[in-house]
Every structure is written in structure tokens, then in C-alpha cells.
């Protein structure tokens, strides 16, 4: 059956996953051939150069430090079995539905791994906690001011560092709260850019808005993308089709990667976004 040609399945699942990946936009991606990788985590200290060095005097000494860590590769995967009867019948487009779900599942597990690395590897000194009764879904609409917490997270990252945050990671619920927030809606003066009209919010306070179900409820992350973390890929997404003619066909998707934070100071967590 043409729909179950191995190359068609591989192309379909990879294409679906590519459209569903979100958080890989927040990290640097590089290849590796090792089962475990060493990396170095930079301290948050910023160097201070002298503005005027006296004649014959010594230069100031920098204090940048790096700590070495090791990270082990993690294999991700899923497989589905299609009975021969479902393959040849047309009541439900089983093949297409399975390929869509497998592609989405592989994208979700990658997002989960990236989010876990970011939230665990951040510098907690940058954290912002929204006060009770001022959550983004507070019962009192006049007390909903998400830009305050986001702005504070930006300030925490940039104070005494060279980092420049450019992205915010939110879950779908918080994204909807941002889309419909009175302060944010009022900030747009034309229907062509108003979130209520367009149904999208691409940027906020100069940050690209990334929406993923991998982001935990009641949390948002502000960060400098690409700088904050790296994903080392041992095996990009790959598929296999294993046939047992007349009985079933097994479709398998798998990949292997590791994610690690190199610059904890480039990340800030916002918590208590919801009541």
C-alpha cells in the first residue's frame, strides 16, 4: 500500500515534528558522536575593565570561572502497531492519524527535555514570584499586570550581566491570559496588530513568545535564547517500518539528545502566574 511506504512515513513524521517543535528555538543545537558530553557552566560574574591604567601599573585581573559538568544522552521514542485490517480498510485514515500523533509526540518529548533542563539549570537569584491577588487570572481584572513580572525578570537577568533576554516561554493557558489581558490589549491601537483581532501575540516587551505544553502550569521562563543552553544531538529524529505481512505493520520513531544549561544567569523563572 503506497501510504505505508517507509520513505513516505519517514517524510511525514519528520515534517509533522518539525512544525510542532517549539522550545528548540530557545537553545543552540549541535551534533555529537559521544554517549555523554562534557560542558562548562559559566559564572554570572561580569568583568570590569579599568577606564584609566596608570603608567607602569598592572592591568586588572578578570575573575570569570567555569565549572565542568557531564551530561548523558537520552533516547526518546514511540512506536505504533497498525493491524493489516486497518491498513487496507478505509473507515478511518488510521495511517495518517498515527503519523500525526507520532510526530507530535516526538516534538513534545523534546520540548519536555529542554524545559526540564532550563528550569533545573537556571539561576534562582533571577526568579520572580507574583504576589497573591495579582496573578494573571486574578478575580480582579484591574490587578492583572503581567508586564510587571516580565519586566522584573528582564531586569533581574540584565542587572550586572551582559545577557540580553529575547524570549519568554509560556504554556497555552498563560498565553491565552496574555492575549486577553486588558493592559496588553489596550497597548495596541490598530486592529491589525491587536491580539484580540489577530489571535496571536508574537512579541511582548521585546521578547519572542514561545508557547508549549511542556511549560509547567503557573510558570513562565524569560531567557536569552541560544546563549542559555545547548542541545547535543546524537541521533536526529528517525523512523523504522517493520512489516509482518497480512498481520500488522509496526511504525517506530526515535531520537537521542541531551540538553544542558551553560549560562544559568541568562534564565529567570516567573512563578505564581495563576491563582
Protein backbone atom coordinates (compact mmCIF):
# COMPACT_ATOMS: atom_id res chain seq x y z
CA UNK A 1 0.00 0.00 0.00
CA UNK A 2 1.51 3.33 -1.09
CA UNK A 3 0.60 5.11 2.16
CA UNK A 4 2.80 2.71 4.13
CA UNK A 5 5.97 3.05 2.07
CA UNK A 6 8.80 3.55 4.56
CA UNK A 7 10.06 6.73 2.90
CA UNK A 8 6.57 8.27 2.93
CA UNK A 9 6.17 7.56 6.64
CA UNK A 10 9.63 8.93 7.45
CA UNK A 11 8.97 12.12 5.49
CA UNK A 12 5.52 12.62 7.04
CA UNK A 13 6.52 12.08 10.68
CA UNK A 14 9.59 14.30 10.37
CA UNK A 15 7.57 17.03 8.67
CA UNK A 16 4.89 16.95 11.38
CA UNK A 17 7.51 17.03 14.14
CA UNK A 18 9.34 19.96 12.55
CA UNK A 19 6.14 22.01 12.62
CA UNK A 20 5.47 21.02 16.25
CA UNK A 21 8.93 21.70 17.74
CA UNK A 22 8.83 24.87 19.86
CA UNK A 23 11.47 25.01 22.55
CA UNK A 24 14.39 24.09 20.30
CA UNK A 25 14.16 27.75 19.27
CA UNK A 26 15.43 28.58 22.76
CA UNK A 27 18.65 26.56 22.63
CA UNK A 28 21.73 26.11 20.48
CA UNK A 29 21.70 22.79 18.61
CA UNK A 30 24.91 20.91 17.84
CA UNK A 31 25.85 17.36 16.85
CA UNK A 32 27.79 14.83 18.90
CA UNK A 33 29.11 11.30 18.50
CA UNK A 34 29.51 10.67 22.23
CA UNK A 35 27.23 8.84 24.64
CA UNK A 36 27.99 11.52 27.24
CA UNK A 37 29.20 15.09 26.82
CA UNK A 38 31.28 17.39 28.98
CA UNK A 39 30.32 21.05 29.12
CA UNK A 40 31.28 24.12 31.08
CA UNK A 41 28.88 26.33 33.02
CA UNK A 42 29.90 29.97 33.25
CA UNK A 43 29.67 32.03 36.43
CA UNK A 44 27.43 35.08 36.35
CA UNK A 45 30.26 37.50 37.18
CA UNK A 46 30.78 40.37 34.74
CA UNK A 47 34.28 41.69 34.16
CA UNK A 48 35.15 45.27 34.97
CA UNK A 49 37.82 46.84 32.78
CA UNK A 50 39.76 49.80 34.08
CA UNK A 51 38.97 53.15 32.47
CA UNK A 52 42.41 54.57 33.19
CA UNK A 53 45.52 52.50 33.89
CA UNK A 54 48.39 54.44 35.40
CA UNK A 55 51.76 54.49 33.71
CA UNK A 56 53.64 51.29 34.53
CA UNK A 57 50.74 49.89 36.55
CA UNK A 58 49.39 46.36 36.31
CA UNK A 59 46.20 45.51 34.47
CA UNK A 60 43.10 44.46 36.46
CA UNK A 61 42.62 40.70 36.65
CA UNK A 62 39.39 39.13 35.44
CA UNK A 63 37.54 36.60 37.62
CA UNK A 64 35.47 34.62 35.11
CA UNK A 65 35.13 30.98 36.15
CA UNK A 66 33.72 27.86 34.55
CA UNK A 67 32.54 24.67 36.22
CA UNK A 68 32.75 21.36 34.35
CA UNK A 69 29.74 19.03 34.12
CA UNK A 70 28.88 15.81 32.28
CA UNK A 71 25.59 15.05 30.57
CA UNK A 72 24.38 11.64 29.36
CA UNK A 73 22.46 11.15 26.14
CA UNK A 74 18.75 10.34 26.44
CA UNK A 75 16.96 8.24 23.85
CA UNK A 76 13.39 9.24 23.05
CA UNK A 77 10.95 7.12 21.09
CA UNK A 78 7.49 5.77 20.42
CA UNK A 79 6.00 3.03 18.26
CA UNK A 80 2.56 2.16 16.95
CA UNK A 81 1.15 -1.04 15.51
CA UNK A 82 -1.28 -0.95 12.59
CA UNK A 83 -3.25 -4.18 12.08
CA UNK A 84 -3.45 -5.31 8.47
CA UNK A 85 -7.24 -4.88 8.52
CA UNK A 86 -6.93 -1.19 9.47
CA UNK A 87 -4.26 -0.67 6.83
CA UNK A 88 -6.38 -1.88 3.93
CA UNK A 89 -9.79 -0.60 5.06
CA UNK A 90 -10.94 2.96 4.63
CA UNK A 91 -13.30 3.59 7.54
CA UNK A 92 -10.69 5.66 9.38
CA UNK A 93 -7.49 7.09 7.93
CA UNK A 94 -5.51 5.20 10.55
CA UNK A 95 -2.14 5.67 8.89
CA UNK A 96 -2.40 9.46 8.66
CA UNK A 97 -3.73 9.85 12.19
CA UNK A 98 -0.95 7.69 13.64
CA UNK A 99 1.76 9.59 11.78
CA UNK A 100 0.39 12.92 13.02
CA UNK A 101 0.25 11.72 16.62
CA UNK A 102 3.72 10.19 16.49
CA UNK A 103 5.25 13.36 15.05
CA UNK A 104 3.57 15.46 17.73
CA UNK A 105 4.65 13.03 20.46
CA UNK A 106 8.31 13.22 19.41
CA UNK A 107 8.18 17.02 19.36
CA UNK A 108 6.54 17.09 22.80
CA UNK A 109 9.13 14.81 24.42
CA UNK A 110 11.93 17.01 23.07
CA UNK A 111 10.20 20.12 24.44
CA UNK A 112 9.84 18.34 27.81
CA UNK A 113 13.56 17.60 27.94
CA UNK A 114 14.50 21.17 27.04
CA UNK A 115 12.11 22.69 29.58
CA UNK A 116 13.33 20.38 32.35
CA UNK A 117 16.95 21.36 31.67
CA UNK A 118 16.10 25.08 31.63
CA UNK A 119 14.03 25.08 34.82
CA UNK A 120 16.56 22.97 36.73
CA UNK A 121 19.64 24.76 35.43
CA UNK A 122 18.52 28.37 35.92
CA UNK A 123 20.00 30.79 38.44
CA UNK A 124 17.32 31.04 41.16
CA UNK A 125 18.61 34.50 42.07
CA UNK A 126 16.79 35.78 38.96
CA UNK A 127 13.41 34.33 39.98
CA UNK A 128 10.28 36.48 40.19
CA UNK A 129 7.23 35.49 42.24
CA UNK A 130 3.95 37.24 41.51
CA UNK A 131 2.19 38.42 44.66
CA UNK A 132 -1.08 36.83 45.74
CA UNK A 133 -4.15 38.55 44.21
CA UNK A 134 -2.02 39.86 41.32
CA UNK A 135 -1.87 36.62 39.32
CA UNK A 136 -2.52 36.82 35.59
CA UNK A 137 -6.01 35.35 36.15
CA UNK A 138 -6.79 37.27 39.34
CA UNK A 139 -10.51 37.59 40.05
CA UNK A 140 -9.98 41.35 39.94
CA UNK A 141 -9.15 42.18 36.31
CA UNK A 142 -7.68 45.53 37.32
CA UNK A 143 -4.98 43.68 39.28
CA UNK A 144 -3.73 41.69 36.30
CA UNK A 145 -0.45 43.25 35.14
CA UNK A 146 1.73 40.52 33.57
CA UNK A 147 4.12 43.07 32.11
CA UNK A 148 5.31 43.95 35.62
CA UNK A 149 6.62 40.46 36.41
CA UNK A 150 8.02 40.02 32.92
CA UNK A 151 9.80 43.37 33.12
CA UNK A 152 11.21 42.43 36.54
CA UNK A 153 12.56 39.16 35.12
CA UNK A 154 14.26 41.08 32.31
CA UNK A 155 15.77 43.46 34.85
CA UNK A 156 17.00 40.60 37.04
CA UNK A 157 18.77 38.96 34.09
CA UNK A 158 20.36 42.12 32.71
CA UNK A 159 21.46 43.71 36.01
CA UNK A 160 25.22 43.28 36.43
CA UNK A 161 25.46 40.88 33.45
CA UNK A 162 25.92 41.09 29.70
CA UNK A 163 22.87 38.91 28.98
CA UNK A 164 20.03 40.29 26.87
CA UNK A 165 16.84 38.19 27.17
CA UNK A 166 14.90 37.80 23.94
CA UNK A 167 12.25 35.14 24.63
CA UNK A 168 9.51 34.16 27.07
CA UNK A 169 8.23 30.58 27.39
CA UNK A 170 4.62 30.10 28.46
CA UNK A 171 2.01 27.34 28.49
CA UNK A 172 -1.21 27.67 26.45
CA UNK A 173 -3.26 28.81 29.47
CA UNK A 174 -0.92 31.68 30.30
CA UNK A 175 -0.66 32.55 26.62
CA UNK A 176 -4.44 32.96 26.50
CA UNK A 177 -4.29 35.16 29.61
CA UNK A 178 -1.69 37.36 27.89
CA UNK A 179 -3.76 37.53 24.70
CA UNK A 180 -6.83 38.76 26.58
CA UNK A 181 -5.15 40.91 29.22
CA UNK A 182 -6.65 44.41 29.36
CA UNK A 183 -3.30 46.20 29.70
CA UNK A 184 -1.82 44.42 26.70
CA UNK A 185 -4.90 44.75 24.51
CA UNK A 186 -5.09 48.48 25.26
CA UNK A 187 -1.43 48.88 24.26
CA UNK A 188 -2.28 48.13 20.60
CA UNK A 189 -4.04 50.98 18.84
CA UNK A 190 -4.79 49.38 15.48
CA UNK A 191 -6.91 46.32 14.72
CA UNK A 192 -4.17 44.90 12.50
CA UNK A 193 -1.85 44.39 15.48
CA UNK A 194 -4.32 43.98 18.35
CA UNK A 195 -4.08 40.46 19.85
CA UNK A 196 -7.86 40.27 20.15
CA UNK A 197 -8.13 40.85 16.41
CA UNK A 198 -5.22 38.73 15.21
CA UNK A 199 -5.42 35.94 17.79
CA UNK A 200 -1.64 35.93 18.07
CA UNK A 201 0.93 37.54 20.34
CA UNK A 202 4.39 37.19 18.84
CA UNK A 203 6.32 39.67 20.97
CA UNK A 204 5.98 41.22 24.41
CA UNK A 205 8.43 43.71 25.92
CA UNK A 206 10.83 42.81 23.12
CA UNK A 207 10.59 39.08 23.91
CA UNK A 208 9.57 36.45 21.36
CA UNK A 209 6.64 34.49 22.81
CA UNK A 210 7.09 30.69 22.65
CA UNK A 211 4.07 28.58 23.60
CA UNK A 212 4.45 24.94 24.61
CA UNK A 213 2.53 22.41 26.69
CA UNK A 214 5.91 21.41 28.13
CA UNK A 215 5.96 24.60 30.23
CA UNK A 216 4.55 23.83 33.66
CA UNK A 217 1.33 25.36 34.91
CA UNK A 218 1.79 28.54 36.96
CA UNK A 219 5.27 29.19 35.50
CA UNK A 220 6.87 31.24 32.72
CA UNK A 221 10.53 31.47 31.73
CA UNK A 222 12.32 34.55 30.44
CA UNK A 223 15.70 33.87 28.81
CA UNK A 224 18.30 34.73 26.23
CA UNK A 225 17.81 32.09 23.58
CA UNK A 226 20.74 30.14 22.12
CA UNK A 227 23.05 31.54 24.82
CA UNK A 228 21.37 29.95 27.84
CA UNK A 229 21.56 26.29 26.84
CA UNK A 230 22.67 23.73 24.26
CA UNK A 231 21.10 20.56 22.90
CA UNK A 232 23.62 17.99 21.70
CA UNK A 233 22.08 15.59 19.18
CA UNK A 234 23.47 12.08 18.83
CA UNK A 235 20.65 10.82 16.60
CA UNK A 236 18.19 13.18 14.86
CA UNK A 237 14.60 12.01 14.53
CA UNK A 238 14.50 8.74 12.60
CA UNK A 239 11.79 6.21 11.75
CA UNK A 240 11.58 2.50 11.02
CA UNK A 241 8.81 0.46 9.39
CA UNK A 242 8.69 -3.24 10.31
CA UNK A 243 6.20 -5.40 8.40
CA UNK A 244 4.56 -8.69 9.26
CA UNK A 245 2.65 -9.16 6.01
CA UNK A 246 -1.01 -9.95 6.42
CA UNK A 247 -0.90 -9.37 10.17
CA UNK A 248 0.42 -5.92 11.11
CA UNK A 249 2.91 -3.14 10.45
CA UNK A 250 4.95 -1.58 13.22
CA UNK A 251 6.00 2.07 12.88
CA UNK A 252 8.74 3.31 15.20
CA UNK A 253 10.12 6.83 15.71
CA UNK A 254 13.21 7.57 17.81
CA UNK A 255 15.94 10.12 18.51
CA UNK A 256 18.72 10.75 21.02
CA UNK A 257 19.87 14.05 22.51
CA UNK A 258 20.97 15.76 25.70
CA UNK A 259 20.20 19.28 26.90
CA UNK A 260 22.31 21.30 29.33
CA UNK A 261 22.39 24.87 30.62
CA UNK A 262 25.69 26.67 30.10
CA UNK A 263 24.61 30.12 31.29
CA UNK A 264 22.22 29.92 34.28
CA UNK A 265 22.18 33.69 34.64
CA UNK A 266 20.51 34.03 31.24
CA UNK A 267 17.29 32.47 32.59
CA UNK A 268 14.64 33.77 35.01
CA UNK A 269 11.58 31.92 36.26
CA UNK A 270 8.28 33.71 36.87
CA UNK A 271 6.06 31.77 39.28
CA UNK A 272 2.50 32.10 40.62
CA UNK A 273 1.14 33.23 37.26
CA UNK A 274 -2.20 31.57 38.13
CA UNK A 275 -4.45 31.56 41.17
